[in-house]
N, C-alpha and C. Protein backbone atom coordinates (compact mmCIF):
# COMPACT_ATOMS: atom_id res chain seq x y z
N MET A 1 16.50 22.32 7.78
CA MET A 1 15.82 21.65 6.69
C MET A 1 14.64 20.85 7.25
N PRO A 2 13.45 21.09 6.73
CA PRO A 2 12.29 20.32 7.19
C PRO A 2 12.33 18.88 6.64
N LEU A 3 11.91 17.98 7.46
CA LEU A 3 11.88 16.57 7.07
C LEU A 3 10.52 16.01 7.45
N HIS A 4 9.81 15.49 6.47
CA HIS A 4 8.48 14.94 6.71
C HIS A 4 8.47 13.47 6.25
N VAL A 5 8.17 12.59 7.19
CA VAL A 5 8.06 11.16 6.91
C VAL A 5 6.61 10.78 7.19
N ALA A 6 5.99 10.15 6.22
CA ALA A 6 4.59 9.77 6.38
C ALA A 6 4.36 8.36 5.85
N ALA A 7 3.34 7.73 6.40
CA ALA A 7 3.01 6.37 6.00
C ALA A 7 1.51 6.26 5.75
N LEU A 8 1.18 5.44 4.80
CA LEU A 8 -0.20 5.07 4.52
C LEU A 8 -0.27 3.56 4.70
N THR A 9 -1.14 3.11 5.59
CA THR A 9 -1.35 1.66 5.72
C THR A 9 -2.68 1.31 5.11
N LEU A 10 -2.70 0.22 4.40
CA LEU A 10 -3.90 -0.26 3.72
C LEU A 10 -4.15 -1.70 4.11
N GLU A 11 -5.31 -1.94 4.69
CA GLU A 11 -5.71 -3.32 4.95
C GLU A 11 -6.43 -3.81 3.71
N LEU A 12 -5.93 -4.88 3.12
CA LEU A 12 -6.46 -5.38 1.86
C LEU A 12 -7.12 -6.74 2.05
N TYR A 13 -8.17 -6.96 1.26
CA TYR A 13 -8.84 -8.26 1.19
C TYR A 13 -8.58 -8.81 -0.20
N LEU A 14 -8.01 -10.00 -0.27
CA LEU A 14 -7.66 -10.64 -1.54
C LEU A 14 -8.51 -11.89 -1.68
N PRO A 15 -9.73 -11.77 -2.22
CA PRO A 15 -10.69 -12.88 -2.18
C PRO A 15 -10.31 -14.11 -2.99
N GLY A 16 -9.51 -13.97 -4.03
CA GLY A 16 -9.21 -15.12 -4.88
C GLY A 16 -8.04 -15.96 -4.43
N CYS A 17 -7.37 -15.57 -3.40
CA CYS A 17 -6.16 -16.29 -2.98
C CYS A 17 -6.51 -17.49 -2.10
N ARG A 18 -6.05 -18.66 -2.52
CA ARG A 18 -6.32 -19.89 -1.77
C ARG A 18 -5.08 -20.41 -1.05
N SER A 19 -3.94 -19.72 -1.27
CA SER A 19 -2.71 -20.14 -0.60
C SER A 19 -1.82 -18.91 -0.39
N LEU A 20 -0.83 -19.07 0.46
CA LEU A 20 0.11 -17.97 0.68
C LEU A 20 0.92 -17.69 -0.59
N LYS A 21 1.17 -18.72 -1.38
CA LYS A 21 1.88 -18.54 -2.64
C LYS A 21 1.07 -17.67 -3.60
N GLU A 22 -0.23 -17.91 -3.69
CA GLU A 22 -1.10 -17.07 -4.52
C GLU A 22 -1.14 -15.64 -4.00
N LYS A 23 -1.17 -15.50 -2.68
CA LYS A 23 -1.19 -14.17 -2.07
C LYS A 23 0.08 -13.42 -2.45
N ARG A 24 1.24 -14.04 -2.31
CA ARG A 24 2.50 -13.39 -2.68
C ARG A 24 2.50 -13.02 -4.16
N GLY A 25 1.92 -13.88 -4.98
CA GLY A 25 1.83 -13.60 -6.41
C GLY A 25 0.94 -12.41 -6.73
N SER A 26 -0.08 -12.19 -5.92
CA SER A 26 -0.96 -11.03 -6.10
C SER A 26 -0.32 -9.75 -5.56
N LEU A 27 0.38 -9.87 -4.44
CA LEU A 27 0.96 -8.68 -3.81
C LEU A 27 2.22 -8.18 -4.52
N LYS A 28 2.99 -9.08 -5.11
CA LYS A 28 4.26 -8.67 -5.72
C LYS A 28 4.06 -7.60 -6.80
N PRO A 29 3.15 -7.79 -7.78
CA PRO A 29 2.96 -6.73 -8.78
C PRO A 29 2.33 -5.47 -8.19
N LEU A 30 1.50 -5.63 -7.17
CA LEU A 30 0.90 -4.48 -6.51
C LEU A 30 1.97 -3.61 -5.84
N LEU A 31 2.85 -4.22 -5.07
CA LEU A 31 3.91 -3.48 -4.38
C LEU A 31 4.88 -2.86 -5.37
N ALA A 32 5.25 -3.60 -6.40
CA ALA A 32 6.16 -3.06 -7.42
C ALA A 32 5.50 -1.91 -8.18
N GLY A 33 4.22 -2.04 -8.46
CA GLY A 33 3.50 -0.99 -9.18
C GLY A 33 3.39 0.30 -8.38
N VAL A 34 3.10 0.18 -7.09
CA VAL A 34 3.02 1.36 -6.23
C VAL A 34 4.38 2.04 -6.17
N HIS A 35 5.43 1.25 -6.02
CA HIS A 35 6.78 1.82 -5.96
C HIS A 35 7.13 2.55 -7.27
N LYS A 36 6.84 1.92 -8.38
CA LYS A 36 7.18 2.50 -9.69
C LYS A 36 6.35 3.75 -9.97
N GLN A 37 5.05 3.70 -9.68
CA GLN A 37 4.15 4.81 -10.00
C GLN A 37 4.38 6.02 -9.11
N TYR A 38 4.63 5.80 -7.81
CA TYR A 38 4.66 6.89 -6.84
C TYR A 38 6.02 7.11 -6.17
N ASN A 39 7.00 6.27 -6.47
CA ASN A 39 8.34 6.38 -5.88
C ASN A 39 8.27 6.38 -4.34
N VAL A 40 7.53 5.45 -3.80
CA VAL A 40 7.42 5.27 -2.35
C VAL A 40 7.92 3.87 -2.01
N SER A 41 8.28 3.66 -0.77
CA SER A 41 8.59 2.32 -0.31
C SER A 41 7.28 1.64 0.06
N ALA A 42 7.12 0.39 -0.33
CA ALA A 42 5.89 -0.34 -0.05
C ALA A 42 6.23 -1.77 0.33
N ALA A 43 5.55 -2.27 1.38
CA ALA A 43 5.81 -3.63 1.84
C ALA A 43 4.60 -4.16 2.59
N GLU A 44 4.46 -5.48 2.59
CA GLU A 44 3.47 -6.12 3.45
C GLU A 44 4.03 -6.13 4.86
N VAL A 45 3.25 -5.63 5.82
CA VAL A 45 3.75 -5.50 7.19
C VAL A 45 2.97 -6.31 8.22
N ASP A 46 1.85 -6.92 7.83
CA ASP A 46 1.10 -7.74 8.79
C ASP A 46 0.19 -8.70 8.03
N PHE A 47 -0.43 -9.61 8.77
CA PHE A 47 -1.31 -10.66 8.25
C PHE A 47 -0.54 -11.62 7.33
N HIS A 48 0.69 -11.90 7.67
CA HIS A 48 1.54 -12.74 6.84
C HIS A 48 1.03 -14.17 6.71
N ASP A 49 0.28 -14.64 7.69
CA ASP A 49 -0.19 -16.03 7.66
C ASP A 49 -1.61 -16.18 7.12
N SER A 50 -2.22 -15.09 6.71
CA SER A 50 -3.58 -15.13 6.16
C SER A 50 -3.51 -15.20 4.63
N HIS A 51 -4.33 -16.08 4.04
CA HIS A 51 -4.38 -16.19 2.58
C HIS A 51 -5.07 -15.00 1.93
N THR A 52 -6.05 -14.44 2.64
CA THR A 52 -6.92 -13.45 2.01
C THR A 52 -6.80 -12.03 2.56
N SER A 53 -5.93 -11.81 3.51
CA SER A 53 -5.76 -10.47 4.09
C SER A 53 -4.30 -10.06 4.04
N ALA A 54 -4.08 -8.76 3.89
CA ALA A 54 -2.72 -8.22 3.92
C ALA A 54 -2.79 -6.79 4.46
N LEU A 55 -1.76 -6.42 5.19
CA LEU A 55 -1.61 -5.03 5.61
C LEU A 55 -0.37 -4.51 4.90
N VAL A 56 -0.58 -3.52 4.05
CA VAL A 56 0.49 -2.95 3.24
C VAL A 56 0.78 -1.55 3.74
N ALA A 57 2.06 -1.22 3.87
CA ALA A 57 2.47 0.13 4.27
C ALA A 57 3.21 0.77 3.11
N CYS A 58 2.86 2.02 2.84
CA CYS A 58 3.55 2.84 1.84
C CYS A 58 4.15 4.02 2.60
N VAL A 59 5.45 4.24 2.46
CA VAL A 59 6.14 5.27 3.23
C VAL A 59 6.90 6.18 2.27
N VAL A 60 6.86 7.49 2.60
CA VAL A 60 7.55 8.49 1.77
C VAL A 60 8.21 9.52 2.67
N VAL A 61 9.34 10.04 2.19
CA VAL A 61 10.07 11.10 2.88
C VAL A 61 10.15 12.29 1.92
N SER A 62 9.89 13.48 2.46
CA SER A 62 9.94 14.69 1.63
C SER A 62 10.22 15.90 2.50
N ASN A 63 10.57 16.99 1.86
CA ASN A 63 10.73 18.24 2.59
C ASN A 63 9.46 19.08 2.55
N ASP A 64 8.38 18.54 1.97
CA ASP A 64 7.12 19.26 1.82
C ASP A 64 5.97 18.39 2.33
N SER A 65 5.36 18.78 3.43
CA SER A 65 4.30 17.95 4.02
C SER A 65 3.07 17.87 3.12
N ALA A 66 2.75 18.94 2.41
CA ALA A 66 1.59 18.91 1.51
C ALA A 66 1.82 17.91 0.38
N HIS A 67 3.04 17.85 -0.13
CA HIS A 67 3.37 16.90 -1.19
C HIS A 67 3.19 15.46 -0.69
N VAL A 68 3.65 15.20 0.53
CA VAL A 68 3.52 13.87 1.12
C VAL A 68 2.05 13.47 1.20
N GLN A 69 1.21 14.36 1.68
CA GLN A 69 -0.21 14.06 1.82
C GLN A 69 -0.87 13.83 0.47
N ARG A 70 -0.58 14.68 -0.51
CA ARG A 70 -1.17 14.53 -1.85
C ARG A 70 -0.74 13.21 -2.49
N LEU A 71 0.53 12.90 -2.36
CA LEU A 71 1.07 11.69 -2.97
C LEU A 71 0.41 10.44 -2.39
N LEU A 72 0.40 10.32 -1.08
CA LEU A 72 -0.18 9.12 -0.45
C LEU A 72 -1.69 9.05 -0.64
N ALA A 73 -2.35 10.18 -0.74
CA ALA A 73 -3.81 10.18 -0.92
C ALA A 73 -4.24 9.61 -2.27
N ARG A 74 -3.36 9.64 -3.25
CA ARG A 74 -3.70 9.13 -4.58
C ARG A 74 -3.58 7.61 -4.69
N ILE A 75 -2.85 6.99 -3.78
CA ILE A 75 -2.57 5.56 -3.90
C ILE A 75 -3.81 4.67 -3.82
N PRO A 76 -4.74 4.87 -2.87
CA PRO A 76 -5.90 3.96 -2.81
C PRO A 76 -6.72 3.92 -4.10
N ALA A 77 -6.99 5.06 -4.70
CA ALA A 77 -7.77 5.08 -5.94
C ALA A 77 -7.02 4.40 -7.07
N TRP A 78 -5.71 4.60 -7.12
CA TRP A 78 -4.89 3.95 -8.13
C TRP A 78 -4.95 2.43 -7.98
N LEU A 79 -4.85 1.96 -6.72
CA LEU A 79 -4.91 0.52 -6.47
C LEU A 79 -6.27 -0.06 -6.88
N GLU A 80 -7.34 0.63 -6.51
CA GLU A 80 -8.68 0.13 -6.85
C GLU A 80 -8.89 0.06 -8.36
N LYS A 81 -8.32 1.01 -9.09
CA LYS A 81 -8.45 1.01 -10.55
C LYS A 81 -7.57 -0.06 -11.19
N ARG A 82 -6.36 -0.18 -10.72
CA ARG A 82 -5.39 -1.09 -11.32
C ARG A 82 -5.58 -2.55 -10.89
N PHE A 83 -6.08 -2.76 -9.67
CA PHE A 83 -6.27 -4.11 -9.12
C PHE A 83 -7.71 -4.24 -8.62
N PRO A 84 -8.69 -4.31 -9.51
CA PRO A 84 -10.09 -4.31 -9.08
C PRO A 84 -10.50 -5.55 -8.28
N GLN A 85 -9.73 -6.62 -8.35
CA GLN A 85 -10.05 -7.83 -7.59
C GLN A 85 -9.71 -7.69 -6.12
N ILE A 86 -8.94 -6.67 -5.76
CA ILE A 86 -8.52 -6.46 -4.37
C ILE A 86 -9.39 -5.37 -3.75
N THR A 87 -9.85 -5.61 -2.52
CA THR A 87 -10.69 -4.64 -1.82
C THR A 87 -9.89 -3.98 -0.70
N ILE A 88 -9.97 -2.66 -0.62
CA ILE A 88 -9.36 -1.93 0.48
C ILE A 88 -10.38 -1.91 1.62
N VAL A 89 -10.05 -2.60 2.69
CA VAL A 89 -10.95 -2.72 3.85
C VAL A 89 -10.83 -1.50 4.75
N ASP A 90 -9.58 -1.04 4.94
CA ASP A 90 -9.33 0.10 5.83
C ASP A 90 -8.05 0.78 5.39
N GLN A 91 -7.93 2.05 5.71
CA GLN A 91 -6.71 2.79 5.42
C GLN A 91 -6.45 3.81 6.50
N GLU A 92 -5.16 4.07 6.74
CA GLU A 92 -4.79 5.04 7.77
C GLU A 92 -3.55 5.80 7.30
N PHE A 93 -3.62 7.11 7.41
CA PHE A 93 -2.51 7.98 7.08
C PHE A 93 -1.90 8.51 8.36
N MET A 94 -0.57 8.53 8.44
CA MET A 94 0.07 9.08 9.65
C MET A 94 1.41 9.69 9.32
N PHE A 95 1.74 10.79 10.02
CA PHE A 95 3.07 11.34 9.97
C PHE A 95 3.90 10.62 11.03
N LEU A 96 5.13 10.29 10.71
CA LEU A 96 6.00 9.58 11.64
C LEU A 96 7.03 10.52 12.21
């Protein structure tokens, strides 16, 4: 049985956040929305002490590598449309 695990990391800039509490408030609906829309695991994985930056990882497991790539490739555009106040600074796709 083929097993494909892939991750998309997104470095985000959150310009309106003046505290870590505001940052968590901005990220919580974003992470929940990505999970609900795409059925992937999503979490903040770095920049925990920064008010305006976050590194978010989205991870998916599938038996079809093409499906994994298509699914993760749609997330950045969805985020930009749904959360226009957040800027994607960088993104990286990788098979694990």
